[in-house]
C-alpha atoms as a PDB file:
ATOM      1  CA  MET A   1    -177.655  31.463  70.097  1.00  0.00           C
ATOM      2  CA  LYS A   2    -177.377  27.892  69.890  1.00  0.00           C
ATOM      3  CA  LEU A   3    -179.189  25.775  71.930  1.00  0.00           C
ATOM      4  CA  GLU A   4    -175.749  23.966  73.022  1.00  0.00           C
ATOM      5  CA  THR A   5    -174.299  26.977  73.913  1.00  0.00           C
ATOM      6  CA  GLU A   6    -177.700  28.187  76.141  1.00  0.00           C
ATOM      7  CA  LEU A   7    -177.317  24.536  78.011  1.00  0.00           C
ATOM      8  CA  LYS A   8    -173.638  24.824  78.852  1.00  0.00           C
ATOM      9  CA  LEU A   9    -174.168  28.762  80.210  1.00  0.00           C
ATOM     10  CA  SER A  10    -177.240  27.706  82.438  1.00  0.00           C
ATOM     11  CA  TYR A  11    -174.290  25.885  84.604  1.00  0.00           C
ATOM     12  CA  TYR A  12    -173.433  29.085  85.443  1.00  0.00           C
ATOM     13  CA  ARG A  13    -175.663  31.051  87.900  1.00  0.00           C
ATOM     14  CA  GLU A  14    -175.003  34.682  87.800  1.00  0.00           C
ATOM     15  CA  ILE A  15    -173.862  36.491  91.232  1.00  0.00           C
ATOM     16  CA  ALA A  16    -172.390  39.621  90.871  1.00  0.00           C
ATOM     17  CA  ARG A  17    -171.899  41.802  88.123  1.00  0.00           C
ATOM     18  CA  ILE A  18    -167.686  42.599  87.888  1.00  0.00           C
ATOM     19  CA  ASP A  19    -168.391  45.153  85.007  1.00  0.00           C
ATOM     20  CA  GLU A  20    -171.093  45.907  83.438  1.00  0.00           C
ATOM     21  CA  LYS A  21    -169.870  47.879  80.219  1.00  0.00           C
ATOM     22  CA  ARG A  22    -167.380  44.441  79.453  1.00  0.00           C
ATOM     23  CA  ASN A  23    -170.209  42.036  80.089  1.00  0.00           C
ATOM     24  CA  ILE A  24    -167.960  40.308  82.703  1.00  0.00           C
ATOM     25  CA  LYS A  25    -169.583  38.347  85.770  1.00  0.00           C
ATOM     26  CA  LEU A  26    -169.081  36.693  88.765  1.00  0.00           C
ATOM     27  CA  VAL A  27    -170.844  33.183  88.702  1.00  0.00           C
ATOM     28  CA  GLN A  28    -171.195  29.815  90.426  1.00  0.00           C
ATOM     29  CA  HIS A  29    -171.367  26.404  88.921  1.00  0.00           C
ATOM     30  CA  THR A  30    -174.713  25.335  89.949  1.00  0.00           C
ATOM     31  CA  GLU A  31    -173.725  21.393  90.545  1.00  0.00           C
ATOM     32  CA  SER A  32    -169.881  21.836  92.015  1.00  0.00           C
ATOM     33  CA  GLY A  33    -170.960  25.405  93.960  1.00  0.00           C
ATOM     34  CA  LYS A  34    -167.674  26.707  92.623  1.00  0.00           C
ATOM     35  CA  VAL A  35    -167.597  30.879  91.331  1.00  0.00           C
ATOM     36  CA  PHE A  36    -165.809  31.734  88.391  1.00  0.00           C
ATOM     37  CA  VAL A  37    -165.337  34.594  86.344  1.00  0.00           C
ATOM     38  CA  LEU A  38    -167.854  34.818  82.688  1.00  0.00           C
ATOM     39  CA  LYS A  39    -166.468  37.314  79.968  1.00  0.00           C
ATOM     40  CA  SER A  40    -168.207  37.323  76.879  1.00  0.00           C
ATOM     41  CA  LEU A  41    -166.418  38.152  74.603  1.00  0.00           C
ATOM     42  CA  HIS A  42    -166.006  39.927  70.792  1.00  0.00           C
ATOM     43  CA  VAL A  43    -162.707  40.311  70.156  1.00  0.00           C
ATOM     44  CA  PHE A  44    -160.467  37.060  70.951  1.00  0.00           C
ATOM     45  CA  ASP A  45    -157.818  35.249  69.328  1.00  0.00           C
ATOM     46  CA  LEU A  46    -159.541  31.159  70.016  1.00  0.00           C
ATOM     47  CA  LYS A  47    -156.045  30.559  69.285  1.00  0.00           C
ATOM     48  CA  VAL A  48    -154.032  32.159  72.236  1.00  0.00           C
ATOM     49  CA  PHE A  49    -157.510  31.156  74.824  1.00  0.00           C
ATOM     50  CA  THR A  50    -157.080  27.752  73.786  1.00  0.00           C
ATOM     51  CA  TYR A  51    -153.567  27.492  74.351  1.00  0.00           C
ATOM     52  CA  LEU A  52    -154.154  29.323  77.782  1.00  0.00           C
ATOM     53  CA  LYS A  53    -156.535  26.794  78.367  1.00  0.00           C
ATOM     54  CA  GLU A  54    -154.653  23.541  77.253  1.00  0.00           C
ATOM     55  CA  ASN A  55    -151.235  24.838  78.524  1.00  0.00           C
ATOM     56  CA  PRO A  56    -152.102  27.195  81.740  1.00  0.00           C
ATOM     57  CA  PRO A  57    -149.441  28.914  82.578  1.00  0.00           C
ATOM     58  CA  LYS A  58    -148.151  30.659  86.250  1.00  0.00           C
ATOM     59  CA  GLY A  59    -149.475  33.795  87.024  1.00  0.00           C
ATOM     60  CA  ILE A  60    -153.100  33.683  84.542  1.00  0.00           C
ATOM     61  CA  PRO A  61    -156.185  32.692  85.478  1.00  0.00           C
ATOM     62  CA  LYS A  62    -156.878  29.277  84.989  1.00  0.00           C
ATOM     63  CA  ILE A  63    -159.032  28.411  81.852  1.00  0.00           C
ATOM     64  CA  ILE A  64    -162.383  26.082  83.025  1.00  0.00           C
ATOM     65  CA  GLU A  65    -164.262  26.220  79.470  1.00  0.00           C
ATOM     66  CA  LEU A  66    -164.304  27.852  76.558  1.00  0.00           C
ATOM     67  CA  ILE A  67    -167.402  28.340  75.093  1.00  0.00           C
ATOM     68  CA  GLU A  68    -167.842  29.595  71.574  1.00  0.00           C
ATOM     69  CA  ASP A  69    -171.058  31.419  70.324  1.00  0.00           C
ATOM     70  CA  GLU A  70    -171.768  32.478  67.064  1.00  0.00           C
ATOM     71  CA  GLU A  71    -169.351  35.089  66.213  1.00  0.00           C
ATOM     72  CA  LYS A  72    -168.346  36.202  69.908  1.00  0.00           C
ATOM     73  CA  ILE A  73    -167.330  33.564  72.580  1.00  0.00           C
ATOM     74  CA  HIS A  74    -168.001  33.016  76.454  1.00  0.00           C
ATOM     75  CA  VAL A  75    -164.640  31.944  78.624  1.00  0.00           C
ATOM     76  CA  VAL A  76    -164.807  31.102  81.950  1.00  0.00           C
ATOM     77  CA  GLU A  77    -162.265  31.101  84.052  1.00  0.00           C
ATOM     78  CA  GLU A  78    -161.167  30.708  87.915  1.00  0.00           C
ATOM     79  CA  TYR A  79    -161.879  33.729  90.408  1.00  0.00           C
ATOM     80  CA  VAL A  80    -158.932  36.168  91.694  1.00  0.00           C
ATOM     81  CA  SER A  81    -158.955  37.218  95.054  1.00  0.00           C
ATOM     82  CA  GLY A  82    -156.806  40.073  95.585  1.00  0.00           C
ATOM     83  CA  ASN A  83    -156.276  44.516  94.970  1.00  0.00           C
ATOM     84  CA  THR A  84    -155.419  45.403  91.260  1.00  0.00           C
ATOM     85  CA  LEU A  85    -152.237  47.232  90.608  1.00  0.00           C
ATOM     86  CA  LEU A  86    -154.584  50.649  89.679  1.00  0.00           C
ATOM     87  CA  GLU A  87    -156.215  49.857  93.129  1.00  0.00           C
ATOM     88  CA  LEU A  88    -152.982  49.143  95.404  1.00  0.00           C
ATOM     89  CA  GLN A  89    -151.985  52.810  93.961  1.00  0.00           C
ATOM     90  CA  GLN A  90    -154.358  54.572  94.050  1.00  0.00           C
ATOM     91  CA  ASP A  91    -154.814  53.593  97.752  1.00  0.00           C
ATOM     92  CA  ARG A  92    -150.917  54.053  99.368  1.00  0.00           C
ATOM     93  CA  GLY A  93    -149.438  56.547  96.080  1.00  0.00           C
ATOM     94  CA  PRO A  94    -146.320  55.674  94.310  1.00  0.00           C
ATOM     95  CA  PHE A  95    -144.246  52.469  94.940  1.00  0.00           C
ATOM     96  CA  SER A  96    -140.412  52.243  95.963  1.00  0.00           C
ATOM     97  CA  GLU A  97    -137.811  51.266  93.283  1.00  0.00           C
ATOM     98  CA  HIS A  98    -137.897  47.206  95.066  1.00  0.00           C
ATOM     99  CA  GLU A  99    -141.398  46.845  94.797  1.00  0.00           C
ATOM    100  CA  ALA A 100    -142.030  48.287  91.360  1.00  0.00           C
ATOM    101  CA  ALA A 101    -139.068  46.232  90.414  1.00  0.00           C
ATOM    102  CA  GLY A 102    -140.304  43.133  92.081  1.00  0.00           C
ATOM    103  CA  TYR A 103    -143.791  43.113  90.308  1.00  0.00           C
ATOM    104  CA  ILE A 104    -142.290  43.696  87.168  1.00  0.00           C
ATOM    105  CA  SER A 105    -139.986  40.880  87.309  1.00  0.00           C
ATOM    106  CA  GLN A 106    -142.971  38.642  87.729  1.00  0.00           C
ATOM    107  CA  LEU A 107    -144.206  40.223  84.952  1.00  0.00           C
ATOM    108  CA  CYS A 108    -141.634  39.460  83.099  1.00  0.00           C
ATOM    109  CA  ASP A 109    -141.826  36.109  84.460  1.00  0.00           C
ATOM    110  CA  ILE A 110    -145.345  35.488  83.202  1.00  0.00           C
ATOM    111  CA  LEU A 111    -144.578  36.843  79.761  1.00  0.00           C
ATOM    112  CA  ARG A 112    -141.920  35.070  79.125  1.00  0.00           C
ATOM    113  CA  THR A 113    -143.675  31.329  78.766  1.00  0.00           C
ATOM    114  CA  LEU A 114    -146.278  33.276  76.378  1.00  0.00           C
ATOM    115  CA  HIS A 115    -143.636  35.054  74.525  1.00  0.00           C
ATOM    116  CA  GLN A 116    -141.640  31.980  73.610  1.00  0.00           C
ATOM    117  CA  GLN A 117    -144.430  30.660  71.959  1.00  0.00           C
ATOM    118  CA  ASN A 118    -143.938  29.914  68.328  1.00  0.00           C
ATOM    119  CA  PRO A 119    -145.832  32.120  66.863  1.00  0.00           C
ATOM    120  CA  PRO A 120    -145.082  34.412  70.581  1.00  0.00           C
ATOM    121  CA  ILE A 121    -148.713  35.516  72.391  1.00  0.00           C
ATOM    122  CA  VAL A 122    -148.934  38.745  72.953  1.00  0.00           C
ATOM    123  CA  HIS A 123    -151.082  40.407  75.843  1.00  0.00           C
ATOM    124  CA  ARG A 124    -151.027  43.934  74.038  1.00  0.00           C
ATOM    125  CA  ASP A 125    -152.522  45.278  77.374  1.00  0.00           C
ATOM    126  CA  ILE A 126    -150.734  45.597  80.175  1.00  0.00           C
ATOM    127  CA  LYS A 127    -151.564  48.030  82.118  1.00  0.00           C
ATOM    128  CA  PRO A 128    -152.474  48.579  86.314  1.00  0.00           C
ATOM    129  CA  SER A 129    -155.930  48.018  86.362  1.00  0.00           C
ATOM    130  CA  ASN A 130    -155.023  44.183  84.557  1.00  0.00           C
ATOM    131  CA  LEU A 131    -152.777  43.262  87.011  1.00  0.00           C
ATOM    132  CA  ILE A 132    -154.242  41.662  90.478  1.00  0.00           C
ATOM    133  CA  VAL A 133    -151.693  41.457  93.390  1.00  0.00           C
ATOM    134  CA  THR A 134    -153.169  38.653  95.698  1.00  0.00           C
ATOM    135  CA  TYR A 135    -152.957  38.429  99.099  1.00  0.00           C
ATOM    136  CA  ASP A 136    -150.160  36.355  99.394  1.00  0.00           C
ATOM    137  CA  GLY A 137    -148.164  38.764  97.250  1.00  0.00           C
ATOM    138  CA  ARG A 138    -148.204  36.845  93.849  1.00  0.00           C
ATOM    139  CA  LEU A 139    -149.296  39.070  90.999  1.00  0.00           C
ATOM    140  CA  ILE A 140    -151.632  37.377  88.254  1.00  0.00           C
ATOM    141  CA  LEU A 141    -152.151  38.704  85.068  1.00  0.00           C
ATOM    142  CA  ILE A 142    -155.516  39.049  83.514  1.00  0.00           C
ATOM    143  CA  ASP A 143    -157.636  39.938  80.439  1.00  0.00           C
ATOM    144  CA  PHE A 144    -156.475  38.306  77.093  1.00  0.00           C
ATOM    145  CA  ASN A 145    -158.928  39.578  75.023  1.00  0.00           C
ATOM    146  CA  THR A 146    -157.140  41.254  73.232  1.00  0.00           C
ATOM    147  CA  ALA A 147    -153.769  39.224  73.236  1.00  0.00           C
ATOM    148  CA  LYS A 148    -152.803  37.803  69.863  1.00  0.00           C
ATOM    149  CA  GLU A 149    -150.317  35.098  68.323  1.00  0.00           C
ATOM    150  CA  SER A 150    -147.448  37.550  66.283  1.00  0.00           C
ATOM    151  CA  GLU A 151    -147.526  36.338  62.493  1.00  0.00           C
ATOM    152  CA  GLY A 152    -144.190  37.329  61.015  1.00  0.00           C
ATOM    153  CA  ASP A 153    -145.093  37.693  57.894  1.00  0.00           C
ATOM    154  CA  LYS A 154    -148.305  40.639  58.429  1.00  0.00           C
ATOM    155  CA  GLY A 155    -146.813  44.191  57.827  1.00  0.00           C
ATOM    156  CA  HIS A 156    -148.655  45.975  60.265  1.00  0.00           C
ATOM    157  CA  ASP A 157    -151.650  45.811  62.858  1.00  0.00           C
ATOM    158  CA  THR A 158    -154.910  46.930  61.384  1.00  0.00           C
ATOM    159  CA  VAL A 159    -157.081  48.148  63.818  1.00  0.00           C
ATOM    160  CA  LEU A 160    -155.434  49.381  67.878  1.00  0.00           C
ATOM    161  CA  ILE A 161    -156.239  47.275  70.446  1.00  0.00           C
ATOM    162  CA  GLY A 162    -155.194  47.853  73.201  1.00  0.00           C
ATOM    163  CA  THR A 163    -154.760  51.603  76.023  1.00  0.00           C
ATOM    164  CA  ALA A 164    -153.944  54.606  74.602  1.00  0.00           C
ATOM    165  CA  GLY A 165    -150.792  55.853  76.792  1.00  0.00           C
ATOM    166  CA  TYR A 166    -149.547  51.871  77.197  1.00  0.00           C
ATOM    167  CA  ALA A 167    -150.460  51.151  74.016  1.00  0.00           C
ATOM    168  CA  ALA A 168    -146.296  50.963  71.306  1.00  0.00           C
ATOM    169  CA  PRO A 169    -146.222  52.638  68.575  1.00  0.00           C
ATOM    170  CA  GLU A 170    -146.860  49.818  65.896  1.00  0.00           C
ATOM    171  CA  GLN A 171    -150.312  48.933  67.862  1.00  0.00           C
ATOM    172  CA  TYR A 172    -151.587  52.278  65.996  1.00  0.00           C
ATOM    173  CA  GLY A 173    -151.058  50.372  62.342  1.00  0.00           C
ATOM    174  CA  PHE A 174    -147.848  51.200  61.923  1.00  0.00           C
ATOM    175  CA  SER A 175    -146.421  47.644  61.775  1.00  0.00           C
ATOM    176  CA  GLU A 176    -147.363  44.511  64.013  1.00  0.00           C
ATOM    177  CA  SER A 177    -147.142  43.774  67.460  1.00  0.00           C
ATOM    178  CA  LYS A 178    -144.412  41.667  69.032  1.00  0.00           C
ATOM    179  CA  PRO A 179    -143.436  41.019  72.291  1.00  0.00           C
ATOM    180  CA  THR A 180    -141.290  44.184  72.087  1.00  0.00           C
ATOM    181  CA  ALA A 181    -145.228  45.894  72.486  1.00  0.00           C
ATOM    182  CA  ASP A 182    -145.696  44.094  75.354  1.00  0.00           C
ATOM    183  CA  ILE A 183    -141.942  45.583  77.029  1.00  0.00           C
ATOM    184  CA  TYR A 184    -143.420  48.893  75.521  1.00  0.00           C
ATOM    185  CA  ALA A 185    -146.126  48.547  78.167  1.00  0.00           C
ATOM    186  CA  ILE A 186    -144.157  47.528  81.383  1.00  0.00           C
ATOM    187  CA  GLY A 187    -142.245  50.800  80.897  1.00  0.00           C
ATOM    188  CA  VAL A 188    -145.033  53.105  80.721  1.00  0.00           C
ATOM    189  CA  LEU A 189    -146.537  50.670  83.732  1.00  0.00           C
ATOM    190  CA  LEU A 190    -142.760  51.218  85.573  1.00  0.00           C
ATOM    191  CA  ASN A 191    -142.963  54.955  85.135  1.00  0.00           C
ATOM    192  CA  GLU A 192    -146.184  54.727  86.431  1.00  0.00           C
ATOM    193  CA  LEU A 193    -146.029  52.135  89.332  1.00  0.00           C
ATOM    194  CA  LEU A 194    -143.088  54.844  90.380  1.00  0.00           C
ATOM    195  CA  THR A 195    -144.218  58.131  89.622  1.00  0.00           C
ATOM    196  CA  GLY A 196    -148.265  57.866  89.464  1.00  0.00           C
ATOM    197  CA  CYS A 197    -148.043  59.016  86.371  1.00  0.00           C
ATOM    198  CA  LEU A 198    -147.536  58.061  82.602  1.00  0.00           C
ATOM    199  CA  PRO A 199    -144.262  58.852  80.721  1.00  0.00           C
ATOM    200  CA  GLY A 200    -146.035  61.961  78.487  1.00  0.00           C
ATOM    201  CA  GLN A 201    -147.130  63.376  81.886  1.00  0.00           C
ATOM    202  CA  LYS A 202    -143.792  63.260  84.173  1.00  0.00           C
ATOM    203  CA  GLU A 203    -140.680  61.531  84.051  1.00  0.00           C
ATOM    204  CA  TYR A 204    -139.393  59.234  86.383  1.00  0.00           C
ATOM    205  CA  LYS A 205    -135.628  60.392  87.189  1.00  0.00           C
ATOM    206  CA  GLY A 206    -134.484  57.966  89.772  1.00  0.00           C
ATOM    207  CA  ARG A 207    -131.592  55.046  88.786  1.00  0.00           C
ATOM    208  CA  LEU A 208    -134.561  52.986  86.958  1.00  0.00           C
ATOM    209  CA  SER A 209    -134.945  55.972  84.835  1.00  0.00           C
ATOM    210  CA  LYS A 210    -132.438  54.557  81.751  1.00  0.00           C
ATOM    211  CA  ILE A 211    -134.697  51.527  81.745  1.00  0.00           C
ATOM    212  CA  ILE A 212    -137.649  53.190  80.817  1.00  0.00           C
ATOM    213  CA  GLN A 213    -136.581  55.204  78.529  1.00  0.00           C
ATOM    214  CA  LYS A 214    -135.403  52.255  76.935  1.00  0.00           C
ATOM    215  CA  CYS A 215    -138.920  50.692  77.006  1.00  0.00           C
ATOM    216  CA  THR A 216    -140.869  52.700  75.385  1.00  0.00           C
ATOM    217  CA  HIS A 217    -138.347  53.642  72.959  1.00  0.00           C
ATOM    218  CA  ILE A 218    -140.103  54.260  69.792  1.00  0.00           C
ATOM    219  CA  ASP A 219    -138.452  52.057  67.679  1.00  0.00           C
ATOM    220  CA  PRO A 220    -139.050  48.296  68.766  1.00  0.00           C
ATOM    221  CA  VAL A 221    -135.454  48.037  67.738  1.00  0.00           C
ATOM    222  CA  GLN A 222    -134.089  49.909  70.876  1.00  0.00           C
ATOM    223  CA  ARG A 223    -136.017  48.228  73.056  1.00  0.00           C
ATOM    224  CA  PHE A 224    -135.293  45.667  75.424  1.00  0.00           C
ATOM    225  CA  GLN A 225    -135.719  42.498  73.099  1.00  0.00           C
ATOM    226  CA  SER A 226    -136.870  40.230  75.648  1.00  0.00           C
ATOM    227  CA  VAL A 227    -138.387  40.065  79.387  1.00  0.00           C
ATOM    228  CA  ASP A 228    -134.963  38.509  80.122  1.00  0.00           C
ATOM    229  CA  GLU A 229    -132.897  41.324  78.666  1.00  0.00           C
ATOM    230  CA  LEU A 230    -135.430  43.537  81.122  1.00  0.00           C
ATOM    231  CA  GLN A 231    -135.412  41.517  84.023  1.00  0.00           C
ATOM    232  CA  GLN A 232    -131.490  40.636  83.783  1.00  0.00           C
ATOM    233  CA  ALA A 233    -131.083  45.139  83.402  1.00  0.00           C
ATOM    234  CA  LEU A 234    -133.039  45.255  86.702  1.00  0.00           C
ATOM    235  CA  ASN A 235    -131.018  43.589  88.804  1.00  0.00           C
ATOM    236  CA  GLU A 236    -127.837  44.741  86.940  1.00  0.00           C
ATOM    237  CA  VAL A 237    -129.339  48.233  88.672  1.00  0.00           C
ATOM    238  CA  LEU A 238    -130.618  47.311  92.125  1.00  0.00           C
ATOM    239  CA  ARG A 239    -128.959  44.021  92.599  1.00  0.00           C
ATOM    240  CA  PRO A 240    -125.708  44.019  90.985  1.00  0.00           C
ATOM    241  CA  GLU A 241    -124.287  41.391  93.032  1.00  0.00           C
ATOM    242  CA  LYS A 242    -126.919  38.697  92.314  1.00  0.00           C
ATOM    243  CA  ALA A 243    -127.247  40.066  89.087  1.00  0.00           C
ATOM    244  CA  GLN A 244    -123.743  39.421  88.294  1.00  0.00           C
ATOM    245  CA  LEU A 245    -124.182  35.707  89.937  1.00  0.00           C
ATOM    246  CA  LYS A 246    -126.971  35.157  87.897  1.00  0.00           C
ATOM    247  CA  SER A 247    -124.658  35.827  84.939  1.00  0.00           C
ATOM    248  CA  MET A 248    -122.026  33.280  85.650  1.00  0.00           C
ATOM    249  CA  GLN A 249    -124.530  30.424  86.144  1.00  0.00           C
ATOM    250  CA  SER A 250    -125.858  30.719  83.295  1.00  0.00           C
ATOM    251  CA  TRP A 251    -122.971  29.254  81.751  1.00  0.00           C
ATOM    252  CA  LEU A 252    -123.108  26.041  84.380  1.00  0.00           C
ATOM    253  CA  PRO A 253    -124.205  23.268  82.443  1.00  0.00           C
ATOM    254  CA  PRO A 254    -127.418  21.427  82.560  1.00  0.00           C
ATOM    255  CA  GLY A 255    -127.603  19.691  85.880  1.00  0.00           C
ATOM    256  CA  ILE A 256    -125.018  21.393  87.478  1.00  0.00           C
ATOM    257  CA  ARG A 257    -127.036  24.605  87.646  1.00  0.00           C
ATOM    258  CA  ASN A 258    -130.399  23.131  89.252  1.00  0.00           C
ATOM    259  CA  LYS A 259    -131.026  24.419  92.509  1.00  0.00           C
ATOM    260  CA  ASN A 260    -131.592  21.268  93.784  1.00  0.00           C
ATOM    261  CA  PRO A 261    -128.150  20.666  95.309  1.00  0.00           C
ATOM    262  CA  PHE A 262    -128.589  16.494  95.166  1.00  0.00           C
ATOM    263  CA  VAL A 263    -128.883  17.202  91.009  1.00  0.00           C
ATOM    264  CA  LYS A 264    -126.105  19.563  91.145  1.00  0.00           C
ATOM    265  CA  PHE A 265    -124.170  16.491  93.133  1.00  0.00           C
ATOM    266  CA  ALA A 266    -125.365  13.879  90.743  1.00  0.00           C
ATOM    267  CA  SER A 267    -125.146  16.399  87.940  1.00  0.00           C
ATOM    268  CA  PHE A 268    -121.300  16.920  89.105  1.00  0.00           C
ATOM    269  CA  ILE A 269    -120.314  13.206  89.237  1.00  0.00           C
ATOM    270  CA  GLY A 270    -121.765  12.197  86.329  1.00  0.00           C
ATOM    271  CA  TYR A 271    -119.828  14.994  84.273  1.00  0.00           C
ATOM    272  CA  LEU A 272    -116.488  13.344  86.442  1.00  0.00           C
ATOM    273  CA  LEU A 273    -117.158  10.146  85.085  1.00  0.00           C
ATOM    274  CA  LEU A 274    -117.957  11.366  81.526  1.00  0.00           C
ATOM    275  CA  ILE A 275    -114.552  13.029  81.599  1.00  0.00           C
ATOM    276  CA  ILE A 276    -112.335   9.858  83.309  1.00  0.00           C
ATOM    277  CA  ILE A 277    -114.411   7.526  80.843  1.00  0.00           C
ATOM    278  CA  SER A 278    -114.058   9.867  77.845  1.00  0.00           C
ATOM    279  CA  LEU A 279    -110.304  10.021  78.545  1.00  0.00           C
ATOM    280  CA  SER A 280    -109.590   6.549  79.077  1.00  0.00           C
ATOM    281  CA  LEU A 281    -110.825   5.196  75.495  1.00  0.00           C
ATOM    282  CA  GLU A 282    -108.696   3.477  74.002  1.00  0.00           C
ATOM    283  CA  PHE A 283    -107.876   3.251  70.190  1.00  0.00           C
ATOM    284  CA  GLU A 284    -105.866   0.015  68.201  1.00  0.00           C
ATOM    285  CA  ASN A 285    -102.591   1.832  65.710  1.00  0.00           C
ATOM    286  CA  VAL A 286    -103.556   5.361  66.701  1.00  0.00           C
ATOM    287  CA  SER A 287    -100.502   7.453  67.444  1.00  0.00           C
ATOM    288  CA  SER A 288    -100.129   8.922  70.916  1.00  0.00           C
ATOM    289  CA  ALA A 289    -101.210  12.468  69.036  1.00  0.00           C
ATOM    290  CA  GLU A 290    -104.382  10.672  67.855  1.00  0.00           C
ATOM    291  CA  LEU A 291    -105.164   9.052  70.480  1.00  0.00           C
ATOM    292  CA  ILE A 292    -105.616  12.321  72.431  1.00  0.00           C
ATOM    293  CA  PHE A 293    -107.315  13.635  69.907  1.00  0.00           C
ATOM    294  CA  ASN A 294    -109.752  10.877  69.768  1.00  0.00           C
ATOM    295  CA  ARG A 295    -110.435  10.922  72.836  1.00  0.00           C
ATOM    296  CA  ILE A 296    -111.223  14.825  73.215  1.00  0.00           C
ATOM    297  CA  VAL A 297    -114.143  14.124  70.046  1.00  0.00           C
ATOM    298  CA  PHE A 298    -115.777  11.504  71.594  1.00  0.00           C
ATOM    299  CA  LEU A 299    -115.895  13.767  74.678  1.00  0.00           C
ATOM    300  CA  LEU A 300    -117.369  17.186  72.992  1.00  0.00           C
ATOM    301  CA  PHE A 301    -119.729  14.609  70.830  1.00  0.00           C
ATOM    302  CA  PHE A 302    -121.049  13.190  74.498  1.00  0.00           C
ATOM    303  CA  LEU A 303    -120.962  16.175  75.776  1.00  0.00           C
ATOM    304  CA  SER A 304    -122.821  18.615  73.041  1.00  0.00           C
ATOM    305  CA  GLU A 305    -125.651  15.904  73.435  1.00  0.00           C
ATOM    306  CA  ILE A 306    -125.696  16.593  76.877  1.00  0.00           C
ATOM    307  CA  LEU A 307    -126.527  20.326  76.423  1.00  0.00           C
ATOM    308  CA  LEU A 308    -128.707  19.962  73.548  1.00  0.00           C
ATOM    309  CA  ILE A 309    -131.032  18.067  75.620  1.00  0.00           C
ATOM    310  CA  GLY A 310    -130.652  19.601  77.950  1.00  0.00           C
ATOM    311  CA  ASN A 311    -132.008  23.244  76.380  1.00  0.00           C
ATOM    312  CA  TYR A 312    -128.438  24.868  77.564  1.00  0.00           C
ATOM    313  CA  GLY A 313    -128.436  28.557  76.521  1.00  0.00           C
ATOM    314  CA  ASN A 314    -132.597  28.025  75.544  1.00  0.00           C
ATOM    315  CA  ILE A 315    -131.303  26.676  72.158  1.00  0.00           C
ATOM    316  CA  TRP A 316    -134.750  24.880  71.836  1.00  0.00           C
ATOM    317  CA  SER A 317    -135.906  28.118  70.716  1.00  0.00           C
ATOM    318  CA  HIS A 318    -133.792  28.242  67.677  1.00  0.00           C
ATOM    319  CA  LEU A 319    -134.977  24.371  66.805  1.00  0.00           C
ATOM    320  CA  PRO A 320    -137.556  23.822  64.374  1.00  0.00           C
ATOM    321  CA  LEU A 321    -139.895  21.436  66.213  1.00  0.00           C
ATOM    322  CA  ALA A 322    -138.222  21.471  69.699  1.00  0.00           C
ATOM    323  CA  ARG A 323    -139.823  24.892  69.772  1.00  0.00           C
ATOM    324  CA  ASN A 324    -143.177  24.050  69.777  1.00  0.00           C
ATOM    325  CA  SER A 325    -145.529  24.935  72.221  1.00  0.00           C
ATOM    326  CA  ASN A 326    -147.087  21.248  72.123  1.00  0.00           C
ATOM    327  CA  ARG A 327    -144.918  18.964  74.323  1.00  0.00           C
ATOM    328  CA  LEU A 328    -145.551  15.538  72.402  1.00  0.00           C
ATOM    329  CA  VAL A 329    -144.123  17.615  69.294  1.00  0.00           C
ATOM    330  CA  LYS A 330    -141.173  19.650  71.544  1.00  0.00           C
ATOM    331  CA  ALA A 331    -140.361  16.032  72.837  1.00  0.00           C
ATOM    332  CA  GLY A 332    -139.993  14.418  69.325  1.00  0.00           C
ATOM    333  CA  GLY A 333    -138.305  17.488  67.818  1.00  0.00           C
ATOM    334  CA  VAL A 334    -135.445  17.109  70.452  1.00  0.00           C
ATOM    335  CA  VAL A 335    -134.790  13.665  70.168  1.00  0.00           C
ATOM    336  CA  LEU A 336    -134.357  13.949  66.226  1.00  0.00           C
ATOM    337  CA  TRP A 337    -132.053  17.428  66.435  1.00  0.00           C
ATOM    338  CA  ALA A 338    -130.320  14.619  68.772  1.00  0.00           C
ATOM    339  CA  PHE A 339    -129.813  12.381  65.967  1.00  0.00           C
ATOM    340  CA  VAL A 340    -129.681  14.964  63.336  1.00  0.00           C
ATOM    341  CA  LEU A 341    -125.938  16.322  66.188  1.00  0.00           C
ATOM    342  CA  LEU A 342    -125.158  12.368  66.207  1.00  0.00           C
ATOM    343  CA  ILE A 343    -125.334  11.896  62.600  1.00  0.00           C
ATOM    344  CA  CYS A 344    -123.064  15.426  62.571  1.00  0.00           C
ATOM    345  CA  TRP A 345    -120.413  13.714  64.454  1.00  0.00           C
ATOM    346  CA  ALA A 346    -120.238  10.617  62.623  1.00  0.00           C
ATOM    347  CA  ILE A 347    -119.990  12.672  59.340  1.00  0.00           C
ATOM    348  CA  ILE A 348    -117.108  14.709  61.518  1.00  0.00           C
ATOM    349  CA  ILE A 349    -115.283  11.178  62.771  1.00  0.00           C
ATOM    350  CA  GLY A 350    -115.253   9.649  59.541  1.00  0.00           C
ATOM    351  CA  SER A 351    -114.002  12.191  57.623  1.00  0.00           C
ATOM    352  CA  PHE A 352    -110.964  12.282  60.636  1.00  0.00           C
ATOM    353  CA  ASN A 353    -110.754   7.839  59.614  1.00  0.00           C
ATOM    354  CA  PHE A 354    -111.449   6.963  63.358  1.00  0.00           C
END
């Protein structure tokens, strides 16, 4: 161990052993007195932990410090108080459909940010013991030592990393693990929350059975392709009216679909003024038909720029630079694509000799 590593670790005094086998400790910082969790990992993806430290997502313990030590890494992270889903189920038995779906929906919210990265971050070890329910009902996803960035040009995983029963078939080396591997594990988790058993031991037969079957399909292409699709399916089964309303709201333009009533009202006024101004533009030496056409073209131009900048339909995830996890690169990418769109409209407008 390097002297620098020893010095950094010396600031953390061991209080208790959380998991002797996996070398997970409860520690206290000698200067601040704050309590953290210290993990020493031999299997890890440094890029994943660096991202989580620099961009702490909701629903994941905040990483305080990463201490590199030759072929392993020491992770100091926030201590989360609560019970794992495994502990809760052992105490009370299977969950109701609404309870289980509520936890799965929270898990989808956590994974959404990770799966939308470029490349996506795949957890690869989702199971009841890796999900903590805090005393105020929040779900926390832990244990990212098996998480990795999904590399699209890689043919397959070289070794099984995960937990048998929850790991998708591709994690056994058949192909590379992608976000659909996490969705497979979610299906197994949902079945276990509802029955207390893995799908191979006992399959759930209630309203959520088709969702579980789709999640755990052996072919990744046949599964839900995103946590958004999975979440939508849960809502359609358990809250069909809410799901339909949410589907309709997703088509609303940026600003108007905002939950803040002031933002919604201001956006409505803004769109109204944009329409009025665009349809009031004057052009010299044009016929009435050309005037109407010109006004509509300019209205579409302004609207397209707003939709792009407002990330309508999650369009940023399909655009290089704009889908980057770095905020400055993302902002620069959005500006660049807005300029490209401006050039495209200029070419279109110029072709009609406006």
